[in-house]
Amino acid sequence: MKYHCFFEQSGTFKNEFKKLGYKAYDYDILNDLNETDYVIDLFDEIEKGYLGLNSIFDKMNEQDTILAFFPCVRFEAQVLLNFRGENSGYKNWSLRKKLSNDLKLHNELNRNYELITKLCIICIDRNIPLIIENPYSEQHYLKRYWCIKPSVVDMNRRDNGDHFIKPTQYWFINCEPKDNFIFEPLLQVEYKIVDNQSTVGRSMIHPQYANRFIREYTIDEGELIK
């Protein structure tokens, strides 16, 4: 059994899987933190896998699990301000510039929507278990315009040991969340406000949260006993 962490260069989930005795690997186009095992264009691999061409999916099977932290910047509610030209940075933009930006944003949104959907289709066709993570909100694009419903919605990540309250949703494809009970005290971690963080900082997840998520939702109860 192997865990393939897509769009993760932090090593957070990968290293927690490894602490629990599993083989795990990070895949990302960046390696700024020296944790990426496979520096690769995952969007290109998804396109190739969907077309039936040689891709990283050829080395995966139903014994593996993909955990995808799919880029969310075009799905989040915040992007609606950009579409409406109401972002504070657009205050002095001309109407023409705002409309041109709308075309760009919509093309990017469409591409990301196609790619996340193709990733699901690849895994369904190959029977590869897939878990996708993304922020949660009522205005999130996938909540409104996708046929897959999230299996787990965590409204407050602080309750499971993270820095952020940040609501997060998880889709489970070809698998179900385990719903194991974790009986242990939480270590106190610094509370952080998402809006005060850099783009990279707000996407980070505390190792304690990652460890608890893995044990609660991804691993069979019998494996926890071992």
C-alpha atoms as a PDB file:
ATOM      1  CA  MET A   1       0.000   0.000   0.000  1.00  0.00           C
ATOM      2  CA  LYS A   2       1.381   3.392  -1.039  1.00  0.00           C
ATOM      3  CA  TYR A   3       0.106   6.936  -0.541  1.00  0.00           C
ATOM      4  CA  HIS A   4       0.676   9.453  -3.310  1.00  0.00           C
ATOM      5  CA  CYS A   5       0.317  13.062  -2.137  1.00  0.00           C
ATOM      6  CA  PHE A   6      -0.450  15.255  -5.161  1.00  0.00           C
ATOM      7  CA  PHE A   7       0.188  19.006  -5.135  1.00  0.00           C
ATOM      8  CA  GLU A   8       2.043  18.714  -1.823  1.00  0.00           C
ATOM      9  CA  GLN A   9       5.613  19.975  -1.548  1.00  0.00           C
ATOM     10  CA  SER A  10       5.562  20.475   2.233  1.00  0.00           C
ATOM     11  CA  GLY A  11       5.959  16.797   3.095  1.00  0.00           C
ATOM     12  CA  THR A  12       3.414  17.194   5.908  1.00  0.00           C
ATOM     13  CA  PHE A  13       1.049  14.337   5.080  1.00  0.00           C
ATOM     14  CA  LYS A  14       3.779  12.285   3.421  1.00  0.00           C
ATOM     15  CA  ASN A  15       5.914  12.300   6.556  1.00  0.00           C
ATOM     16  CA  GLU A  16       2.992  11.456   8.836  1.00  0.00           C
ATOM     17  CA  PHE A  17       2.151   8.455   6.636  1.00  0.00           C
ATOM     18  CA  LYS A  18       5.783   7.367   6.868  1.00  0.00           C
ATOM     19  CA  LYS A  19       5.777   7.708  10.671  1.00  0.00           C
ATOM     20  CA  LEU A  20       2.871   5.266  10.690  1.00  0.00           C
ATOM     21  CA  GLY A  21       4.872   2.770   8.635  1.00  0.00           C
ATOM     22  CA  TYR A  22       3.507   3.418   5.151  1.00  0.00           C
ATOM     23  CA  LYS A  23       5.277   4.270   1.928  1.00  0.00           C
ATOM     24  CA  ALA A  24       4.350   7.783   0.814  1.00  0.00           C
ATOM     25  CA  TYR A  25       5.544  10.256  -1.800  1.00  0.00           C
ATOM     26  CA  ASP A  26       5.054  13.933  -2.617  1.00  0.00           C
ATOM     27  CA  TYR A  27       4.338  15.105  -6.171  1.00  0.00           C
ATOM     28  CA  ASP A  28       4.461  18.755  -7.191  1.00  0.00           C
ATOM     29  CA  ILE A  29       5.872  21.035  -9.864  1.00  0.00           C
ATOM     30  CA  LEU A  30       7.788  22.907  -7.127  1.00  0.00           C
ATOM     31  CA  ASN A  31      10.371  21.751  -4.591  1.00  0.00           C
ATOM     32  CA  ASP A  32      10.929  24.882  -2.515  1.00  0.00           C
ATOM     33  CA  LEU A  33      10.971  22.906   0.756  1.00  0.00           C
ATOM     34  CA  ASN A  34      13.124  20.007  -0.503  1.00  0.00           C
ATOM     35  CA  GLU A  35      10.363  17.498   0.243  1.00  0.00           C
ATOM     36  CA  THR A  36       9.038  16.821  -3.269  1.00  0.00           C
ATOM     37  CA  ASP A  37       9.911  13.268  -4.287  1.00  0.00           C
ATOM     38  CA  TYR A  38       8.666  13.693  -7.857  1.00  0.00           C
ATOM     39  CA  VAL A  39       9.033  17.174  -9.339  1.00  0.00           C
ATOM     40  CA  ILE A  40       6.476  16.874 -12.097  1.00  0.00           C
ATOM     41  CA  ASP A  41       3.716  18.778 -13.910  1.00  0.00           C
ATOM     42  CA  LEU A  42       0.666  17.014 -12.487  1.00  0.00           C
ATOM     43  CA  PHE A  43      -1.704  18.873 -14.798  1.00  0.00           C
ATOM     44  CA  ASP A  44       0.163  17.403 -17.762  1.00  0.00           C
ATOM     45  CA  GLU A  45       0.107  13.932 -16.190  1.00  0.00           C
ATOM     46  CA  ILE A  46      -3.651  14.173 -15.650  1.00  0.00           C
ATOM     47  CA  GLU A  47      -4.168  15.130 -19.289  1.00  0.00           C
ATOM     48  CA  LYS A  48      -2.020  12.200 -20.446  1.00  0.00           C
ATOM     49  CA  GLY A  49      -3.737   9.768 -18.099  1.00  0.00           C
ATOM     50  CA  TYR A  50      -7.166  10.888 -19.273  1.00  0.00           C
ATOM     51  CA  LEU A  51      -6.146  10.355 -22.915  1.00  0.00           C
ATOM     52  CA  GLY A  52      -4.790   6.879 -22.152  1.00  0.00           C
ATOM     53  CA  LEU A  53      -1.165   7.881 -22.717  1.00  0.00           C
ATOM     54  CA  ASN A  54       1.773   6.867 -20.546  1.00  0.00           C
ATOM     55  CA  SER A  55       1.554   8.678 -17.201  1.00  0.00           C
ATOM     56  CA  ILE A  56       2.336   8.347 -13.504  1.00  0.00           C
ATOM     57  CA  PHE A  57      -1.015   6.602 -13.050  1.00  0.00           C
ATOM     58  CA  ASP A  58       0.354   3.540 -14.861  1.00  0.00           C
ATOM     59  CA  LYS A  59       2.360   2.679 -11.724  1.00  0.00           C
ATOM     60  CA  MET A  60      -0.621   2.927  -9.374  1.00  0.00           C
ATOM     61  CA  ASN A  61      -3.353   0.418  -8.589  1.00  0.00           C
ATOM     62  CA  GLU A  62      -6.289  -0.220  -6.269  1.00  0.00           C
ATOM     63  CA  GLN A  63      -3.911  -0.937  -3.368  1.00  0.00           C
ATOM     64  CA  ASP A  64      -2.646   2.659  -3.492  1.00  0.00           C
ATOM     65  CA  THR A  65      -4.335   5.898  -2.457  1.00  0.00           C
ATOM     66  CA  ILE A  66      -3.975   9.352  -3.985  1.00  0.00           C
ATOM     67  CA  LEU A  67      -4.417  12.294  -1.628  1.00  0.00           C
ATOM     68  CA  ALA A  68      -4.761  15.398  -3.815  1.00  0.00           C
ATOM     69  CA  PHE A  69      -4.486  18.924  -2.430  1.00  0.00           C
ATOM     70  CA  PHE A  70      -5.865  20.274  -5.674  1.00  0.00           C
ATOM     71  CA  PRO A  71      -5.173  23.993  -6.356  1.00  0.00           C
ATOM     72  CA  CYS A  72      -8.178  25.887  -5.030  1.00  0.00           C
ATOM     73  CA  VAL A  73      -7.490  29.512  -5.963  1.00  0.00           C
ATOM     74  CA  ARG A  74     -10.045  29.532  -8.830  1.00  0.00           C
ATOM     75  CA  PHE A  75     -12.720  27.609  -6.882  1.00  0.00           C
ATOM     76  CA  GLU A  76     -12.791  29.662  -3.685  1.00  0.00           C
ATOM     77  CA  ALA A  77     -15.411  32.269  -2.845  1.00  0.00           C
ATOM     78  CA  GLN A  78     -12.762  35.005  -2.843  1.00  0.00           C
ATOM     79  CA  VAL A  79     -12.396  34.774  -6.624  1.00  0.00           C
ATOM     80  CA  LEU A  80     -15.969  36.060  -7.010  1.00  0.00           C
ATOM     81  CA  LEU A  81     -14.713  39.524  -6.035  1.00  0.00           C
ATOM     82  CA  ASN A  82     -12.210  39.317  -8.858  1.00  0.00           C
ATOM     83  CA  PHE A  83     -14.863  38.312 -11.386  1.00  0.00           C
ATOM     84  CA  ARG A  84     -17.016  41.249 -10.303  1.00  0.00           C
ATOM     85  CA  GLY A  85     -14.050  43.614 -10.413  1.00  0.00           C
ATOM     86  CA  GLU A  86     -14.589  44.455  -6.739  1.00  0.00           C
ATOM     87  CA  ASN A  87     -11.178  43.420  -5.461  1.00  0.00           C
ATOM     88  CA  SER A  88      -9.475  46.443  -3.903  1.00  0.00           C
ATOM     89  CA  GLY A  89      -6.535  46.014  -6.265  1.00  0.00           C
ATOM     90  CA  TYR A  90      -8.830  46.558  -9.240  1.00  0.00           C
ATOM     91  CA  LYS A  91     -10.184  49.895  -8.010  1.00  0.00           C
ATOM     92  CA  ASN A  92      -8.511  51.968 -10.721  1.00  0.00           C
ATOM     93  CA  TRP A  93      -8.891  49.465 -13.538  1.00  0.00           C
ATOM     94  CA  SER A  94     -10.848  50.417 -16.635  1.00  0.00           C
ATOM     95  CA  LEU A  95     -13.970  48.452 -17.526  1.00  0.00           C
ATOM     96  CA  ARG A  96     -12.163  46.973 -20.516  1.00  0.00           C
ATOM     97  CA  LYS A  97      -9.302  45.719 -18.328  1.00  0.00           C
ATOM     98  CA  LYS A  98     -11.762  44.166 -15.887  1.00  0.00           C
ATOM     99  CA  LEU A  99     -13.564  42.368 -18.722  1.00  0.00           C
ATOM    100  CA  SER A 100     -10.283  41.103 -20.159  1.00  0.00           C
ATOM    101  CA  ASN A 101      -9.369  39.819 -16.711  1.00  0.00           C
ATOM    102  CA  ASP A 102     -12.751  38.051 -16.495  1.00  0.00           C
ATOM    103  CA  LEU A 103     -11.919  36.139 -19.666  1.00  0.00           C
ATOM    104  CA  LYS A 104      -8.575  35.082 -18.192  1.00  0.00           C
ATOM    105  CA  LEU A 105     -10.120  34.045 -14.870  1.00  0.00           C
ATOM    106  CA  HIS A 106     -12.862  32.062 -16.560  1.00  0.00           C
ATOM    107  CA  ASN A 107     -10.381  30.212 -18.765  1.00  0.00           C
ATOM    108  CA  GLU A 108      -8.345  29.295 -15.690  1.00  0.00           C
ATOM    109  CA  LEU A 109     -11.451  28.235 -13.788  1.00  0.00           C
ATOM    110  CA  ASN A 110     -12.593  26.086 -16.699  1.00  0.00           C
ATOM    111  CA  ARG A 111      -9.164  24.429 -17.007  1.00  0.00           C
ATOM    112  CA  ASN A 112      -8.997  23.619 -13.289  1.00  0.00           C
ATOM    113  CA  TYR A 113     -12.552  22.270 -13.333  1.00  0.00           C
ATOM    114  CA  GLU A 114     -11.707  20.034 -16.290  1.00  0.00           C
ATOM    115  CA  LEU A 115      -8.525  18.770 -14.646  1.00  0.00           C
ATOM    116  CA  ILE A 116     -10.017  17.912 -11.257  1.00  0.00           C
ATOM    117  CA  THR A 117     -12.884  16.132 -13.010  1.00  0.00           C
ATOM    118  CA  LYS A 118     -10.489  14.236 -15.300  1.00  0.00           C
ATOM    119  CA  LEU A 119      -8.463  13.194 -12.241  1.00  0.00           C
ATOM    120  CA  CYS A 120     -11.606  11.645 -10.766  1.00  0.00           C
ATOM    121  CA  ILE A 121     -12.450   9.876 -14.023  1.00  0.00           C
ATOM    122  CA  ILE A 122      -8.930   8.428 -14.261  1.00  0.00           C
ATOM    123  CA  CYS A 123      -9.171   7.046 -10.736  1.00  0.00           C
ATOM    124  CA  ILE A 124     -12.685   5.670 -11.297  1.00  0.00           C
ATOM    125  CA  ASP A 125     -11.579   3.914 -14.484  1.00  0.00           C
ATOM    126  CA  ARG A 126      -8.496   2.459 -12.779  1.00  0.00           C
ATOM    127  CA  ASN A 127     -10.203   1.825  -9.426  1.00  0.00           C
ATOM    128  CA  ILE A 128      -7.589   3.902  -7.574  1.00  0.00           C
ATOM    129  CA  PRO A 129      -8.797   5.292  -4.226  1.00  0.00           C
ATOM    130  CA  LEU A 130      -8.707   9.093  -4.333  1.00  0.00           C
ATOM    131  CA  ILE A 131      -9.151  11.720  -1.610  1.00  0.00           C
ATOM    132  CA  ILE A 132      -9.344  15.388  -2.653  1.00  0.00           C
ATOM    133  CA  GLU A 133      -8.915  18.311  -0.246  1.00  0.00           C
ATOM    134  CA  ASN A 134     -10.161  21.864  -0.788  1.00  0.00           C
ATOM    135  CA  PRO A 135     -11.454  24.761   1.334  1.00  0.00           C
ATOM    136  CA  TYR A 136     -15.160  24.722   2.145  1.00  0.00           C
ATOM    137  CA  SER A 137     -17.691  27.529   1.766  1.00  0.00           C
ATOM    138  CA  GLU A 138     -21.245  27.894   0.503  1.00  0.00           C
ATOM    139  CA  GLN A 139     -19.905  29.810  -2.511  1.00  0.00           C
ATOM    140  CA  HIS A 140     -17.175  27.279  -3.377  1.00  0.00           C
ATOM    141  CA  TYR A 141     -17.455  26.478  -7.085  1.00  0.00           C
ATOM    142  CA  LEU A 142     -17.353  22.694  -6.653  1.00  0.00           C
ATOM    143  CA  LYS A 143     -20.072  22.796  -4.002  1.00  0.00           C
ATOM    144  CA  ARG A 144     -22.365  24.527  -6.473  1.00  0.00           C
ATOM    145  CA  TYR A 145     -21.338  23.028  -9.819  1.00  0.00           C
ATOM    146  CA  TRP A 146     -20.047  19.488  -9.272  1.00  0.00           C
ATOM    147  CA  CYS A 147     -21.891  16.183  -9.120  1.00  0.00           C
ATOM    148  CA  ILE A 148     -19.703  14.795  -6.296  1.00  0.00           C
ATOM    149  CA  LYS A 149     -20.580  15.707  -2.728  1.00  0.00           C
ATOM    150  CA  PRO A 150     -17.856  15.946  -0.054  1.00  0.00           C
ATOM    151  CA  SER A 151     -17.694  12.966   2.291  1.00  0.00           C
ATOM    152  CA  VAL A 152     -16.155  14.967   5.145  1.00  0.00           C
ATOM    153  CA  VAL A 153     -16.524  18.665   5.953  1.00  0.00           C
ATOM    154  CA  ASP A 154     -14.314  19.948   8.777  1.00  0.00           C
ATOM    155  CA  MET A 155     -15.718  23.304   9.840  1.00  0.00           C
ATOM    156  CA  ASN A 156     -12.962  23.986  12.375  1.00  0.00           C
ATOM    157  CA  ARG A 157      -9.537  22.456  11.869  1.00  0.00           C
ATOM    158  CA  ARG A 158      -8.459  23.801  15.273  1.00  0.00           C
ATOM    159  CA  ASP A 159     -10.600  21.078  16.855  1.00  0.00           C
ATOM    160  CA  ASN A 160      -8.170  18.514  15.456  1.00  0.00           C
ATOM    161  CA  GLY A 161      -4.944  20.305  16.220  1.00  0.00           C
ATOM    162  CA  ASP A 162      -4.325  22.732  13.349  1.00  0.00           C
ATOM    163  CA  HIS A 163      -3.278  26.389  13.411  1.00  0.00           C
ATOM    164  CA  PHE A 164      -6.380  27.510  11.472  1.00  0.00           C
ATOM    165  CA  ILE A 165     -10.130  27.355  11.954  1.00  0.00           C
ATOM    166  CA  LYS A 166     -10.324  27.278   8.109  1.00  0.00           C
ATOM    167  CA  PRO A 167     -13.298  25.108   6.986  1.00  0.00           C
ATOM    168  CA  THR A 168     -12.110  22.276   4.741  1.00  0.00           C
ATOM    169  CA  GLN A 169     -13.894  19.634   2.674  1.00  0.00           C
ATOM    170  CA  TYR A 170     -12.759  16.218   1.490  1.00  0.00           C
ATOM    171  CA  TRP A 171     -14.104  14.097  -1.347  1.00  0.00           C
ATOM    172  CA  PHE A 172     -13.576  10.324  -1.153  1.00  0.00           C
ATOM    173  CA  ILE A 173     -13.709   8.527  -4.525  1.00  0.00           C
ATOM    174  CA  ASN A 174     -13.465   4.701  -4.695  1.00  0.00           C
ATOM    175  CA  CYS A 175     -13.197   4.662  -0.895  1.00  0.00           C
ATOM    176  CA  GLU A 176     -15.075   5.735   2.221  1.00  0.00           C
ATOM    177  CA  PRO A 177     -13.889   7.671   5.283  1.00  0.00           C
ATOM    178  CA  LYS A 178     -13.134   5.240   8.121  1.00  0.00           C
ATOM    179  CA  ASP A 179     -14.558   7.307  11.023  1.00  0.00           C
ATOM    180  CA  ASN A 180     -12.153   5.846  13.600  1.00  0.00           C
ATOM    181  CA  PHE A 181     -12.195   7.333  17.106  1.00  0.00           C
ATOM    182  CA  ILE A 182      -8.961   9.018  18.216  1.00  0.00           C
ATOM    183  CA  PHE A 183      -8.719   9.085  22.021  1.00  0.00           C
ATOM    184  CA  GLU A 184      -5.818  11.333  22.939  1.00  0.00           C
ATOM    185  CA  PRO A 185      -5.280  14.921  24.069  1.00  0.00           C
ATOM    186  CA  LEU A 186      -4.396  17.622  21.565  1.00  0.00           C
ATOM    187  CA  LEU A 187      -1.124  19.481  21.797  1.00  0.00           C
ATOM    188  CA  GLN A 188      -1.689  23.217  21.945  1.00  0.00           C
ATOM    189  CA  VAL A 189      -0.558  24.965  18.754  1.00  0.00           C
ATOM    190  CA  GLU A 190      -0.434  28.637  17.895  1.00  0.00           C
ATOM    191  CA  TYR A 191      -3.680  30.069  16.554  1.00  0.00           C
ATOM    192  CA  LYS A 192      -3.195  31.726  13.177  1.00  0.00           C
ATOM    193  CA  ILE A 193      -5.550  33.872  11.107  1.00  0.00           C
ATOM    194  CA  VAL A 194      -5.677  32.889   7.429  1.00  0.00           C
ATOM    195  CA  ASP A 195      -5.832  36.475   6.137  1.00  0.00           C
ATOM    196  CA  ASN A 196      -2.604  37.335   7.963  1.00  0.00           C
ATOM    197  CA  GLN A 197      -0.618  34.615   6.215  1.00  0.00           C
ATOM    198  CA  SER A 198       1.269  34.516   2.931  1.00  0.00           C
ATOM    199  CA  THR A 199      -0.150  32.449   0.065  1.00  0.00           C
ATOM    200  CA  VAL A 200       2.137  29.568   1.046  1.00  0.00           C
ATOM    201  CA  GLY A 201       1.502  30.006   4.764  1.00  0.00           C
ATOM    202  CA  ARG A 202      -2.274  29.809   4.514  1.00  0.00           C
ATOM    203  CA  SER A 203      -2.030  26.515   2.624  1.00  0.00           C
ATOM    204  CA  MET A 204       0.094  24.792   5.283  1.00  0.00           C
ATOM    205  CA  ILE A 205      -1.415  22.159   7.566  1.00  0.00           C
ATOM    206  CA  HIS A 206      -0.006  21.318  10.994  1.00  0.00           C
ATOM    207  CA  PRO A 207       1.515  17.793  11.257  1.00  0.00           C
ATOM    208  CA  GLN A 208      -0.713  17.028  14.263  1.00  0.00           C
ATOM    209  CA  TYR A 209      -3.813  17.654  12.159  1.00  0.00           C
ATOM    210  CA  ALA A 210      -2.423  15.570   9.291  1.00  0.00           C
ATOM    211  CA  ASN A 211      -1.656  12.667  11.620  1.00  0.00           C
ATOM    212  CA  ARG A 212      -5.105  12.693  13.167  1.00  0.00           C
ATOM    213  CA  PHE A 213      -6.827  12.968   9.782  1.00  0.00           C
ATOM    214  CA  ILE A 214      -4.874   9.976   8.471  1.00  0.00           C
ATOM    215  CA  ARG A 215      -5.715   7.822  11.493  1.00  0.00           C
ATOM    216  CA  GLU A 216      -9.340   8.903  11.708  1.00  0.00           C
ATOM    217  CA  TYR A 217     -10.340   8.695   8.058  1.00  0.00           C
ATOM    218  CA  THR A 218      -7.857   6.790   5.878  1.00  0.00           C
ATOM    219  CA  ILE A 219      -6.518   3.787   7.812  1.00  0.00           C
ATOM    220  CA  ASP A 220      -8.492   0.673   8.804  1.00  0.00           C
ATOM    221  CA  GLU A 221      -9.055   0.314  12.538  1.00  0.00           C
ATOM    222  CA  GLY A 222      -7.091  -2.952  12.535  1.00  0.00           C
ATOM    223  CA  GLU A 223      -4.061  -1.127  11.195  1.00  0.00           C
ATOM    224  CA  LEU A 224      -4.277   1.404  14.033  1.00  0.00           C
ATOM    225  CA  ILE A 225      -4.154  -1.407  16.607  1.00  0.00           C
ATOM    226  CA  LYS A 226      -0.947  -2.731  15.081  1.00  0.00           C
END
